[in-house]
N, C-alpha and C. Protein backbone atom coordinates (compact mmCIF):
# COMPACT_ATOMS: atom_id res chain seq x y z
N UNK A 1 -9.63 6.95 -22.70
CA UNK A 1 -8.33 7.53 -22.37
C UNK A 1 -7.84 7.80 -23.76
N UNK A 2 -7.44 9.06 -23.90
CA UNK A 2 -6.80 9.52 -25.06
C UNK A 2 -5.72 8.93 -25.63
N UNK A 3 -5.65 8.31 -26.88
CA UNK A 3 -4.69 7.42 -27.47
C UNK A 3 -3.33 7.80 -27.22
N UNK A 4 -3.16 9.13 -27.19
CA UNK A 4 -1.85 9.85 -27.06
C UNK A 4 -1.20 9.61 -25.65
N UNK A 5 -2.09 9.46 -24.76
CA UNK A 5 -1.61 9.34 -23.25
C UNK A 5 -1.33 7.76 -22.88
N UNK A 6 -1.89 6.79 -23.61
CA UNK A 6 -1.92 5.49 -23.38
C UNK A 6 -0.37 5.09 -23.00
N UNK A 7 0.57 5.45 -23.82
CA UNK A 7 2.01 5.07 -23.41
C UNK A 7 2.41 5.48 -22.20
N UNK A 8 2.15 6.68 -21.96
CA UNK A 8 2.43 7.40 -20.38
C UNK A 8 1.69 6.52 -19.48
N UNK A 9 0.37 6.51 -19.53
CA UNK A 9 -0.41 5.65 -18.66
C UNK A 9 0.18 4.37 -18.57
N UNK A 10 0.55 3.79 -19.42
CA UNK A 10 1.21 2.33 -19.30
C UNK A 10 2.21 2.23 -18.44
N UNK A 11 3.19 3.28 -19.01
CA UNK A 11 4.40 3.35 -18.21
C UNK A 11 4.29 3.70 -16.68
N UNK A 12 3.35 4.60 -16.36
CA UNK A 12 3.01 4.89 -14.97
C UNK A 12 2.54 3.58 -14.20
N UNK A 13 1.84 2.73 -14.92
CA UNK A 13 1.05 1.62 -14.20
C UNK A 13 2.10 0.69 -14.04
N UNK A 14 2.98 0.42 -14.93
CA UNK A 14 4.39 -0.55 -14.84
C UNK A 14 5.15 0.06 -13.67
N UNK A 15 5.32 1.15 -13.33
CA UNK A 15 6.05 1.81 -12.33
C UNK A 15 5.22 1.53 -10.95
N UNK A 16 3.99 1.55 -11.14
CA UNK A 16 3.09 1.51 -9.89
C UNK A 16 3.19 -0.14 -9.41
N UNK A 17 3.17 -1.04 -10.28
CA UNK A 17 3.31 -2.32 -10.22
C UNK A 17 4.69 -2.65 -9.64
N UNK A 18 5.59 -2.26 -10.07
CA UNK A 18 7.01 -2.48 -9.69
C UNK A 18 7.26 -1.86 -8.18
N UNK A 19 6.67 -0.79 -7.80
CA UNK A 19 6.82 -0.33 -6.38
C UNK A 19 5.94 -1.07 -5.51
N UNK A 20 4.72 -1.60 -6.01
CA UNK A 20 3.89 -2.45 -5.15
C UNK A 20 4.72 -3.73 -4.80
N UNK A 21 5.33 -4.33 -5.74
CA UNK A 21 5.94 -5.58 -5.52
C UNK A 21 7.31 -5.40 -4.54
N UNK A 22 7.94 -4.16 -4.74
CA UNK A 22 9.08 -3.72 -4.00
C UNK A 22 8.55 -3.68 -2.33
N UNK A 23 7.39 -2.91 -2.27
CA UNK A 23 7.00 -2.73 -0.90
C UNK A 23 6.45 -4.04 -0.21
N UNK A 24 5.82 -4.78 -1.05
CA UNK A 24 5.47 -6.35 -0.63
C UNK A 24 6.60 -6.98 -0.24
N UNK A 25 7.76 -6.97 -0.98
CA UNK A 25 8.86 -7.74 -0.74
C UNK A 25 9.53 -7.14 0.67
N UNK A 26 9.66 -5.89 0.80
CA UNK A 26 10.28 -5.17 1.95
C UNK A 26 9.57 -5.58 3.27
N UNK A 27 8.24 -5.57 3.17
CA UNK A 27 7.22 -5.47 4.31
C UNK A 27 7.61 -7.04 5.04
N UNK A 28 7.93 -6.90 6.30
CA UNK A 28 8.19 -8.15 7.12
C UNK A 28 9.67 -8.80 6.69
N UNK A 29 10.48 -8.46 5.80
CA UNK A 29 11.71 -9.06 5.47
C UNK A 29 12.75 -8.98 6.47
N UNK A 30 12.79 -7.99 7.23
CA UNK A 30 13.77 -7.74 8.31
C UNK A 30 13.63 -8.74 9.50
N UNK A 31 12.33 -9.05 9.89
CA UNK A 31 12.26 -10.11 10.95
C UNK A 31 12.55 -11.37 10.44
N UNK A 32 12.14 -11.72 9.15
CA UNK A 32 12.57 -13.01 8.53
C UNK A 32 13.74 -13.29 8.23
N UNK A 33 14.67 -12.13 7.86
CA UNK A 33 16.16 -12.29 7.81
C UNK A 33 16.91 -12.44 8.93
N UNK A 34 16.22 -11.83 10.17
CA UNK A 34 16.84 -12.25 11.51
C UNK A 34 16.71 -13.60 11.92
N UNK A 35 15.53 -14.11 11.57
CA UNK A 35 15.28 -15.63 12.05
C UNK A 35 16.23 -16.56 10.94
N UNK A 36 16.45 -16.10 9.68
CA UNK A 36 17.35 -16.94 8.83
C UNK A 36 18.81 -16.80 9.10
N UNK A 37 19.22 -15.71 9.85
CA UNK A 37 20.67 -15.43 9.96
C UNK A 37 21.42 -16.45 10.70
N UNK A 38 20.88 -17.28 11.68
CA UNK A 38 21.88 -18.23 12.31
C UNK A 38 22.08 -19.40 11.36
N UNK A 39 21.37 -19.59 10.23
CA UNK A 39 21.73 -20.48 9.15
C UNK A 39 22.60 -19.84 8.33
N UNK A 40 22.63 -18.65 8.06
CA UNK A 40 23.51 -18.06 7.08
C UNK A 40 24.88 -17.83 7.59
N UNK A 41 25.00 -17.56 8.93
CA UNK A 41 26.35 -17.26 9.53
C UNK A 41 27.31 -18.38 9.23
N UNK A 42 26.98 -19.59 9.54
CA UNK A 42 28.15 -20.62 9.36
C UNK A 42 28.41 -20.84 7.83
N UNK A 43 27.35 -20.60 7.05
CA UNK A 43 27.66 -20.70 5.48
C UNK A 43 28.74 -19.58 5.08
N UNK A 44 28.31 -18.50 5.58
CA UNK A 44 29.38 -17.25 5.29
C UNK A 44 30.77 -17.69 5.56
N UNK A 45 30.93 -18.34 6.76
CA UNK A 45 32.29 -18.54 7.43
C UNK A 45 33.06 -19.56 6.63
N UNK A 46 32.13 -20.52 6.00
CA UNK A 46 32.71 -21.64 5.36
C UNK A 46 32.70 -21.58 3.83
N UNK A 47 31.95 -20.68 3.41
CA UNK A 47 31.69 -20.68 1.65
C UNK A 47 32.01 -19.28 1.10
N UNK A 48 31.80 -18.28 1.78
CA UNK A 48 31.64 -17.00 1.14
C UNK A 48 32.82 -16.17 1.02
N UNK A 49 33.74 -16.36 2.34
CA UNK A 49 34.97 -15.81 2.48
C UNK A 49 36.21 -16.56 2.16
N UNK A 50 36.41 -16.93 1.01
CA UNK A 50 37.61 -17.89 0.61
C UNK A 50 37.89 -17.29 -0.74
N UNK A 51 39.42 -16.94 -0.86
CA UNK A 51 39.78 -16.42 -2.03
C UNK A 51 41.41 -16.81 -2.17
N UNK A 52 41.70 -17.36 -3.34
CA UNK A 52 43.09 -17.62 -3.57
C UNK A 52 43.75 -18.55 -2.56
N UNK A 53 42.87 -19.60 -2.06
CA UNK A 53 43.39 -20.57 -1.19
C UNK A 53 43.57 -20.14 0.28
N UNK A 54 43.19 -18.88 0.36
CA UNK A 54 43.34 -18.35 1.97
C UNK A 54 41.92 -18.23 2.26
N UNK A 55 41.32 -18.74 3.39
CA UNK A 55 40.31 -18.60 3.95
C UNK A 55 40.08 -17.44 4.87
N UNK A 56 39.27 -16.49 4.72
CA UNK A 56 39.09 -15.32 5.50
C UNK A 56 37.95 -15.43 6.58
N UNK A 57 38.24 -15.36 7.65
CA UNK A 57 37.35 -15.64 8.68
C UNK A 57 37.02 -14.49 9.62
N UNK A 58 36.07 -14.25 10.28
CA UNK A 58 35.89 -13.20 11.17
C UNK A 58 36.66 -13.08 12.17
N UNK A 59 37.18 -11.91 12.71
CA UNK A 59 37.99 -11.52 13.77
C UNK A 59 37.57 -12.49 15.06
N UNK A 60 38.49 -12.86 15.88
CA UNK A 60 38.05 -13.47 17.09
C UNK A 60 37.53 -12.32 18.33
N UNK A 61 36.79 -12.83 19.20
CA UNK A 61 36.41 -11.89 20.29
C UNK A 61 34.96 -11.25 19.89
N UNK A 62 34.38 -10.52 20.74
CA UNK A 62 33.09 -9.85 20.67
C UNK A 62 32.93 -9.13 19.14
N UNK A 63 34.11 -8.33 18.93
CA UNK A 63 33.91 -7.58 17.72
C UNK A 63 33.79 -8.47 16.51
N UNK A 64 34.40 -9.77 16.39
CA UNK A 64 34.24 -10.62 15.36
C UNK A 64 32.84 -11.19 15.22
N UNK A 65 32.27 -11.36 16.42
CA UNK A 65 30.88 -12.05 16.56
C UNK A 65 29.90 -10.98 16.11
N UNK A 66 30.21 -9.59 16.50
CA UNK A 66 29.33 -8.62 15.95
C UNK A 66 29.26 -8.57 14.52
N UNK A 67 30.49 -8.48 13.93
CA UNK A 67 30.65 -8.27 12.59
C UNK A 67 30.04 -9.46 11.69
N UNK A 68 30.30 -10.58 12.29
CA UNK A 68 29.66 -11.89 11.66
C UNK A 68 28.33 -11.92 11.71
N UNK A 69 27.73 -11.44 12.76
CA UNK A 69 26.13 -11.56 12.84
C UNK A 69 25.47 -10.55 11.84
N UNK A 70 26.23 -9.42 11.96
CA UNK A 70 25.67 -8.38 10.89
C UNK A 70 25.91 -8.82 9.48
N UNK A 71 26.94 -9.26 9.11
CA UNK A 71 27.12 -9.97 7.81
C UNK A 71 26.11 -10.94 7.49
N UNK A 72 25.71 -11.82 8.65
CA UNK A 72 24.80 -12.86 8.35
C UNK A 72 23.44 -12.27 8.04
N UNK A 73 23.11 -11.38 9.00
CA UNK A 73 21.72 -10.67 8.80
C UNK A 73 21.60 -10.08 7.48
N UNK A 74 22.61 -9.31 7.11
CA UNK A 74 22.69 -8.66 5.61
C UNK A 74 22.51 -9.58 4.69
N UNK A 75 23.12 -10.69 4.63
CA UNK A 75 23.05 -11.71 3.50
C UNK A 75 21.72 -12.29 3.48
N UNK A 76 21.33 -12.55 4.84
CA UNK A 76 19.94 -13.29 4.82
C UNK A 76 18.74 -12.40 4.28
N UNK A 77 18.93 -11.02 4.56
CA UNK A 77 18.12 -10.08 4.12
C UNK A 77 17.99 -9.95 2.66
N UNK A 78 19.17 -10.08 2.05
CA UNK A 78 19.15 -9.98 0.53
C UNK A 78 18.41 -11.36 0.13
N UNK A 79 18.63 -12.48 0.58
CA UNK A 79 17.95 -13.51 0.23
C UNK A 79 16.43 -13.50 0.19
N UNK A 80 16.01 -13.25 1.49
CA UNK A 80 14.71 -13.01 1.85
C UNK A 80 13.97 -12.06 1.10
N UNK A 81 14.69 -10.80 0.64
CA UNK A 81 14.07 -9.83 -0.04
C UNK A 81 14.00 -10.21 -1.54
N UNK A 82 14.95 -10.87 -1.98
CA UNK A 82 14.67 -11.43 -3.44
C UNK A 82 13.72 -12.38 -3.75
N UNK A 83 13.60 -13.39 -2.72
CA UNK A 83 12.70 -14.43 -2.80
C UNK A 83 11.04 -13.90 -2.65
N UNK A 84 11.03 -12.97 -1.79
CA UNK A 84 9.73 -12.23 -1.67
C UNK A 84 9.46 -11.46 -2.77
N UNK A 85 10.40 -10.82 -3.47
CA UNK A 85 10.36 -9.80 -4.68
C UNK A 85 9.71 -10.89 -5.85
N UNK A 86 10.23 -11.96 -5.87
CA UNK A 86 9.95 -12.96 -7.11
C UNK A 86 8.42 -13.33 -6.74
N UNK A 87 8.01 -13.50 -5.45
CA UNK A 87 6.60 -13.92 -5.31
C UNK A 87 5.64 -12.91 -5.12
N UNK A 88 6.13 -11.56 -5.20
CA UNK A 88 5.19 -10.49 -4.85
C UNK A 88 4.02 -10.47 -6.03
N UNK A 89 4.32 -10.62 -7.33
CA UNK A 89 3.10 -10.50 -8.37
C UNK A 89 2.15 -11.67 -8.12
N UNK A 90 2.60 -12.95 -7.51
CA UNK A 90 1.49 -13.96 -7.09
C UNK A 90 0.67 -13.58 -6.01
N UNK A 91 1.35 -12.73 -4.85
CA UNK A 91 0.69 -12.17 -3.75
C UNK A 91 -0.41 -11.10 -4.45
N UNK A 92 0.10 -10.25 -5.13
CA UNK A 92 -0.96 -9.24 -5.66
C UNK A 92 -2.04 -9.95 -6.39
N UNK A 93 -1.75 -10.92 -7.11
CA UNK A 93 -2.88 -11.55 -7.77
C UNK A 93 -3.96 -12.15 -6.90
N UNK A 94 -3.44 -12.68 -5.50
CA UNK A 94 -4.14 -13.26 -4.50
C UNK A 94 -5.24 -12.39 -3.81
N UNK A 95 -4.90 -11.03 -4.03
CA UNK A 95 -5.63 -9.84 -3.10
C UNK A 95 -7.10 -9.88 -3.66
N UNK A 96 -7.34 -10.24 -4.91
CA UNK A 96 -8.58 -10.25 -5.25
C UNK A 96 -8.75 -11.09 -6.55
N UNK A 97 -9.82 -10.63 -7.41
CA UNK A 97 -10.20 -11.52 -8.64
C UNK A 97 -10.75 -10.43 -9.67
N UNK A 98 -10.52 -10.71 -10.84
CA UNK A 98 -11.05 -10.01 -11.90
C UNK A 98 -12.38 -10.75 -12.31
N UNK A 99 -13.31 -9.62 -12.37
CA UNK A 99 -14.54 -10.01 -12.73
C UNK A 99 -14.92 -9.12 -13.86
N UNK A 100 -14.68 -9.63 -15.10
CA UNK A 100 -14.90 -8.78 -16.36
C UNK A 100 -13.83 -7.80 -16.36
N UNK A 101 -14.17 -6.52 -16.41
CA UNK A 101 -13.35 -5.34 -16.31
C UNK A 101 -13.05 -4.74 -14.87
N UNK A 102 -13.53 -5.39 -13.96
CA UNK A 102 -13.26 -5.15 -12.63
C UNK A 102 -12.23 -5.82 -11.82
N UNK A 103 -11.54 -5.46 -11.04
CA UNK A 103 -10.45 -6.03 -10.06
C UNK A 103 -11.25 -5.96 -8.65
N UNK A 104 -11.86 -6.85 -8.11
CA UNK A 104 -12.55 -6.75 -6.78
C UNK A 104 -11.54 -7.30 -5.62
N UNK A 105 -11.35 -6.64 -4.71
CA UNK A 105 -10.45 -7.20 -3.50
C UNK A 105 -11.19 -8.13 -2.88
N UNK A 106 -10.56 -9.30 -2.27
CA UNK A 106 -11.37 -10.12 -1.34
C UNK A 106 -11.59 -9.46 -0.11
N UNK A 107 -10.63 -8.66 0.52
CA UNK A 107 -10.77 -7.96 1.80
C UNK A 107 -10.62 -6.37 1.17
N UNK A 108 -11.73 -5.67 1.23
CA UNK A 108 -11.49 -4.14 0.90
C UNK A 108 -10.34 -3.63 1.61
N UNK A 109 -9.54 -2.55 0.88
CA UNK A 109 -8.54 -1.79 1.42
C UNK A 109 -8.99 -0.63 2.23
N UNK A 110 -8.32 -0.23 3.37
CA UNK A 110 -8.67 0.87 4.22
C UNK A 110 -7.86 2.05 3.71
N UNK A 111 -8.49 3.06 2.96
CA UNK A 111 -7.72 4.13 2.30
C UNK A 111 -7.59 5.25 3.28
N UNK A 112 -8.66 5.38 4.01
CA UNK A 112 -8.72 6.55 4.91
C UNK A 112 -9.54 6.16 6.39
N UNK A 113 -9.06 6.69 7.48
CA UNK A 113 -9.58 6.47 8.64
C UNK A 113 -9.62 7.72 9.38
N UNK A 114 -10.71 8.26 9.70
CA UNK A 114 -10.80 9.76 10.21
C UNK A 114 -12.11 9.77 11.06
N UNK A 115 -12.12 10.90 11.82
CA UNK A 115 -13.23 11.20 12.64
C UNK A 115 -13.89 12.56 12.10
N UNK A 116 -14.98 12.56 11.71
CA UNK A 116 -15.67 13.58 10.87
C UNK A 116 -16.37 14.41 12.19
N UNK A 117 -16.01 15.63 12.28
CA UNK A 117 -16.65 16.52 13.13
C UNK A 117 -17.54 17.62 12.35
N UNK A 118 -18.47 18.25 13.14
CA UNK A 118 -19.23 19.25 12.42
C UNK A 118 -18.61 20.40 11.90
N UNK A 119 -17.41 20.74 12.35
CA UNK A 119 -16.62 21.84 11.79
C UNK A 119 -15.80 21.45 10.47
N UNK A 120 -15.95 20.08 10.40
CA UNK A 120 -15.36 19.48 9.00
C UNK A 120 -16.17 19.70 7.72
N UNK A 121 -17.50 19.94 8.09
CA UNK A 121 -18.55 20.06 6.89
C UNK A 121 -18.00 21.32 6.16
N UNK A 122 -17.97 20.95 4.80
CA UNK A 122 -17.40 22.17 4.05
C UNK A 122 -16.07 21.98 3.73
N UNK A 123 -15.29 21.21 4.50
CA UNK A 123 -13.67 21.14 4.37
C UNK A 123 -13.34 19.81 4.01
N UNK A 124 -13.19 19.51 2.71
CA UNK A 124 -12.83 18.19 2.21
C UNK A 124 -11.53 17.83 2.90
N UNK A 125 -11.22 16.39 3.12
CA UNK A 125 -10.12 15.83 3.50
C UNK A 125 -9.34 15.19 2.35
N UNK A 126 -7.96 15.45 2.00
CA UNK A 126 -7.21 14.73 0.99
C UNK A 126 -6.62 13.32 1.55
N UNK A 127 -6.76 12.28 0.78
CA UNK A 127 -5.83 10.97 1.05
C UNK A 127 -5.62 10.41 -0.15
N UNK A 128 -4.38 9.82 -0.21
CA UNK A 128 -4.07 8.93 -1.64
C UNK A 128 -4.30 7.64 -1.19
N UNK A 129 -4.27 6.88 -2.57
CA UNK A 129 -4.49 5.45 -2.64
C UNK A 129 -3.49 4.90 -3.37
N UNK A 130 -2.77 3.89 -2.65
CA UNK A 130 -1.76 3.04 -3.26
C UNK A 130 -2.01 1.78 -3.75
N UNK A 131 -3.24 1.12 -3.46
CA UNK A 131 -3.66 -0.08 -3.80
C UNK A 131 -4.29 -0.34 -5.29
N UNK A 132 -4.41 0.96 -5.92
CA UNK A 132 -5.01 0.97 -7.20
C UNK A 132 -4.15 1.49 -8.25
N UNK A 133 -3.92 1.10 -9.61
CA UNK A 133 -2.99 1.97 -10.42
C UNK A 133 -3.49 3.13 -10.76
N UNK A 134 -2.65 4.06 -11.22
CA UNK A 134 -3.07 5.29 -11.83
C UNK A 134 -3.96 5.30 -12.98
N UNK A 135 -4.84 6.05 -13.06
CA UNK A 135 -5.73 6.22 -14.39
C UNK A 135 -6.94 5.29 -14.21
N UNK A 136 -7.06 4.41 -13.09
CA UNK A 136 -7.92 3.41 -13.15
C UNK A 136 -9.40 4.34 -12.42
N UNK A 137 -10.53 3.70 -12.41
CA UNK A 137 -11.79 4.24 -11.61
C UNK A 137 -11.88 3.28 -10.44
N UNK A 138 -11.51 3.74 -9.42
CA UNK A 138 -11.68 3.24 -7.98
C UNK A 138 -13.17 3.12 -7.48
N UNK A 139 -13.35 2.05 -6.90
CA UNK A 139 -14.82 1.81 -6.43
C UNK A 139 -14.69 1.78 -4.82
N UNK A 140 -15.27 2.71 -4.10
CA UNK A 140 -15.27 2.84 -2.83
C UNK A 140 -16.58 2.65 -2.05
N UNK A 141 -16.35 2.56 -0.77
CA UNK A 141 -17.63 2.43 0.04
C UNK A 141 -17.36 3.01 1.53
N UNK A 142 -17.91 4.12 1.97
CA UNK A 142 -17.84 4.50 3.28
C UNK A 142 -18.46 3.53 4.50
N UNK A 143 -17.65 3.53 5.58
CA UNK A 143 -18.09 2.51 6.57
C UNK A 143 -17.97 3.20 7.92
N UNK A 144 -18.98 3.40 8.59
CA UNK A 144 -18.91 4.02 9.83
C UNK A 144 -18.68 3.14 10.98
N UNK A 145 -17.64 3.54 11.89
CA UNK A 145 -17.32 2.67 13.10
C UNK A 145 -17.87 3.46 14.39
N UNK A 146 -18.91 4.33 14.31
CA UNK A 146 -19.46 4.86 15.35
C UNK A 146 -20.94 5.30 15.03
N UNK A 147 -21.72 5.41 15.92
CA UNK A 147 -23.12 5.75 15.63
C UNK A 147 -23.22 7.18 15.01
N UNK A 148 -24.34 7.70 14.34
CA UNK A 148 -24.53 8.94 14.01
C UNK A 148 -24.78 8.90 12.43
N UNK A 149 -25.24 10.07 12.08
CA UNK A 149 -25.60 10.39 10.86
C UNK A 149 -24.48 10.80 10.04
N UNK A 150 -24.05 10.22 8.94
CA UNK A 150 -22.85 10.70 8.01
C UNK A 150 -23.18 10.46 6.60
N UNK A 151 -22.81 11.25 5.73
CA UNK A 151 -23.02 11.08 4.35
C UNK A 151 -21.71 11.64 3.64
N UNK A 152 -21.52 11.19 2.46
CA UNK A 152 -20.14 11.57 2.06
C UNK A 152 -20.09 11.19 0.51
N UNK A 153 -19.06 11.86 -0.10
CA UNK A 153 -18.74 11.48 -1.51
C UNK A 153 -17.40 11.73 -1.63
N UNK A 154 -16.57 11.26 -2.94
CA UNK A 154 -15.24 11.69 -3.25
C UNK A 154 -15.11 12.34 -4.49
N UNK A 155 -14.26 13.16 -4.61
CA UNK A 155 -14.02 13.84 -5.70
C UNK A 155 -12.57 14.22 -6.16
N UNK A 156 -12.03 14.49 -7.42
CA UNK A 156 -10.81 14.58 -7.74
C UNK A 156 -10.44 15.91 -7.34
N UNK A 157 -11.15 17.00 -7.02
CA UNK A 157 -10.76 18.31 -7.03
C UNK A 157 -11.29 18.67 -5.54
N UNK A 158 -10.46 19.53 -4.99
CA UNK A 158 -10.82 20.10 -3.40
C UNK A 158 -12.18 20.97 -3.60
N UNK A 159 -12.36 21.53 -4.68
CA UNK A 159 -13.62 22.46 -4.95
C UNK A 159 -14.94 21.53 -4.84
N UNK A 160 -14.71 20.33 -5.33
CA UNK A 160 -15.89 19.45 -5.50
C UNK A 160 -16.86 20.04 -6.56
N UNK A 161 -18.13 19.49 -6.71
CA UNK A 161 -19.00 19.82 -7.62
C UNK A 161 -20.45 20.07 -7.18
N UNK A 162 -20.50 20.79 -6.25
CA UNK A 162 -21.76 21.31 -5.44
C UNK A 162 -22.62 20.07 -5.01
N UNK A 163 -22.13 19.11 -4.33
CA UNK A 163 -22.77 18.06 -3.82
C UNK A 163 -23.81 18.44 -2.95
N UNK A 164 -24.83 17.71 -2.75
CA UNK A 164 -25.93 18.02 -1.62
C UNK A 164 -25.51 16.83 -0.61
N UNK A 165 -24.73 17.18 0.26
CA UNK A 165 -24.22 16.08 1.13
C UNK A 165 -25.37 15.64 2.27
N UNK A 166 -26.38 16.39 2.34
CA UNK A 166 -27.42 16.12 3.26
C UNK A 166 -28.04 14.74 2.68
N UNK A 167 -27.91 14.36 1.46
CA UNK A 167 -28.29 13.30 0.75
C UNK A 167 -27.44 11.92 1.12
N UNK A 168 -27.95 10.95 1.80
CA UNK A 168 -27.15 9.93 2.03
C UNK A 168 -26.60 9.22 0.88
N UNK A 169 -25.41 8.86 0.82
CA UNK A 169 -24.60 8.13 -0.26
C UNK A 169 -24.04 6.95 0.23
N UNK A 170 -24.18 5.76 -0.27
CA UNK A 170 -23.64 4.43 0.20
C UNK A 170 -22.25 4.21 -0.36
N UNK A 171 -21.84 5.07 -1.32
CA UNK A 171 -20.59 4.67 -2.12
C UNK A 171 -20.82 5.03 -3.50
N UNK A 172 -19.64 4.59 -4.24
CA UNK A 172 -19.56 5.02 -5.65
C UNK A 172 -18.17 5.02 -6.17
N UNK A 173 -17.70 5.91 -7.01
CA UNK A 173 -16.37 5.59 -7.57
C UNK A 173 -15.90 7.03 -7.97
N UNK A 174 -14.64 6.99 -8.26
CA UNK A 174 -13.82 8.05 -8.78
C UNK A 174 -12.62 7.82 -9.58
N UNK A 175 -12.17 8.70 -10.49
CA UNK A 175 -11.19 8.46 -11.35
C UNK A 175 -9.86 8.82 -10.27
N UNK A 176 -8.83 7.92 -10.43
CA UNK A 176 -7.66 8.13 -9.62
C UNK A 176 -6.47 8.55 -10.60
N UNK A 177 -6.25 9.98 -10.57
CA UNK A 177 -5.02 10.49 -11.14
C UNK A 177 -3.81 10.20 -10.72
N UNK A 178 -2.71 10.04 -11.49
CA UNK A 178 -1.46 9.78 -11.09
C UNK A 178 -0.89 10.77 -10.32
N UNK A 179 -0.45 10.52 -9.15
CA UNK A 179 0.27 11.41 -8.20
C UNK A 179 -0.88 12.34 -7.49
N UNK A 180 -2.20 12.42 -7.80
CA UNK A 180 -3.07 13.32 -7.14
C UNK A 180 -3.94 12.66 -6.18
N UNK A 181 -4.21 13.33 -4.95
CA UNK A 181 -5.04 12.56 -4.10
C UNK A 181 -6.53 12.67 -4.46
N UNK A 182 -7.46 11.89 -3.76
CA UNK A 182 -8.72 12.11 -3.75
C UNK A 182 -9.17 12.94 -2.63
N UNK A 183 -10.30 13.43 -2.74
CA UNK A 183 -10.68 14.60 -1.56
C UNK A 183 -12.32 13.94 -1.04
N UNK A 184 -12.23 13.86 0.21
CA UNK A 184 -13.52 13.37 0.91
C UNK A 184 -14.33 14.48 1.39
N UNK A 185 -15.61 14.45 0.84
CA UNK A 185 -16.49 15.51 1.27
C UNK A 185 -17.40 14.84 2.23
N UNK A 186 -17.52 15.39 3.37
CA UNK A 186 -18.52 14.59 4.25
C UNK A 186 -19.40 15.59 4.85
N UNK A 187 -20.47 15.06 5.59
CA UNK A 187 -21.44 15.83 6.30
C UNK A 187 -21.98 15.06 7.32
N UNK A 188 -21.91 15.68 8.63
CA UNK A 188 -22.70 15.20 9.87
C UNK A 188 -23.57 16.30 10.42
N UNK A 189 -24.52 16.08 11.13
CA UNK A 189 -25.29 16.92 11.90
C UNK A 189 -24.68 18.03 12.66
N UNK A 190 -25.08 19.16 12.77
CA UNK A 190 -24.38 20.34 13.46
C UNK A 190 -24.29 20.00 14.98
N UNK A 191 -25.10 19.25 15.68
CA UNK A 191 -25.08 18.96 16.97
C UNK A 191 -24.18 17.68 17.16
N UNK A 192 -23.86 17.06 16.09
CA UNK A 192 -22.86 15.71 16.38
C UNK A 192 -21.69 15.76 17.00
N UNK A 193 -21.35 15.02 17.91
CA UNK A 193 -20.01 14.97 18.45
C UNK A 193 -18.91 14.10 17.50
N UNK A 194 -19.34 13.84 16.44
CA UNK A 194 -18.30 13.17 15.47
C UNK A 194 -18.68 11.84 15.16
N UNK A 195 -18.30 11.44 13.85
CA UNK A 195 -18.44 10.23 13.56
C UNK A 195 -17.19 9.54 12.89
N UNK A 196 -16.76 8.35 13.50
CA UNK A 196 -15.35 7.66 12.98
C UNK A 196 -15.87 6.95 11.50
N UNK A 197 -15.14 7.14 10.59
CA UNK A 197 -15.43 6.62 9.20
C UNK A 197 -14.19 6.10 8.64
N UNK A 198 -14.52 5.06 7.89
CA UNK A 198 -13.37 4.42 6.91
C UNK A 198 -13.88 4.47 5.56
N UNK A 199 -12.85 4.86 4.64
CA UNK A 199 -13.19 4.80 3.43
C UNK A 199 -12.40 3.47 2.67
N UNK A 200 -13.36 2.55 2.33
CA UNK A 200 -13.00 1.19 1.86
C UNK A 200 -12.83 1.21 0.39
N UNK A 201 -11.64 0.86 -0.21
CA UNK A 201 -11.68 0.60 -1.69
C UNK A 201 -11.86 -0.80 -1.80
N UNK A 202 -13.04 -1.08 -2.48
CA UNK A 202 -13.50 -2.40 -2.93
C UNK A 202 -12.73 -3.06 -3.98
N UNK A 203 -12.46 -2.03 -5.12
CA UNK A 203 -11.82 -2.68 -6.29
C UNK A 203 -11.45 -1.46 -7.30
N UNK A 204 -11.33 -1.91 -8.36
CA UNK A 204 -11.07 -0.82 -9.29
C UNK A 204 -11.22 -1.35 -10.92
N UNK A 205 -11.53 -0.49 -11.73
CA UNK A 205 -11.69 -1.10 -13.22
C UNK A 205 -10.29 -0.78 -14.02
N UNK A 206 -10.16 -1.30 -15.02
CA UNK A 206 -8.88 -1.18 -15.89
C UNK A 206 -8.86 0.20 -16.29
């Protein structure tokens, strides 16, 4: 990496890490908040709505119950989100293990699921990867979910590099540029009815 670009790359990786933590914290937070809201509701009524010696309670009737329930769910969501946000870095660490300069996922991430047809030969498909930081070298592996011959490679540019896709490739790696998609170049036999394939991200280097 160019030394002049290292501060920029470091900042982009910090932003990637923060957004990964936010997505992890948000994922599943609403159902959890809904389960926690029956506990939060009486706490709101007893503790949170008191000022100047006057206790403010929710209005009587159905309208008051609706407002109270929404307030309880909102307060519960904030609590759940903040707790999950604090635990998110630990969750990210549990996804894999550093082996030297490589981070290998315990369970490979599915970056792309598609069906490759003969008419797709020569027409690469773009896809993005959110499970690896920008500027890293991602390690991938194609996996077929249906019978048939399929070979592929990944590249950073849609024009590719003149690959001989008739030669079977088990996998490899590619540089992941910030904000840029990777392109899947595939090949199936002209008489094929199509092959369902997944691109698995096994890990990445620093």
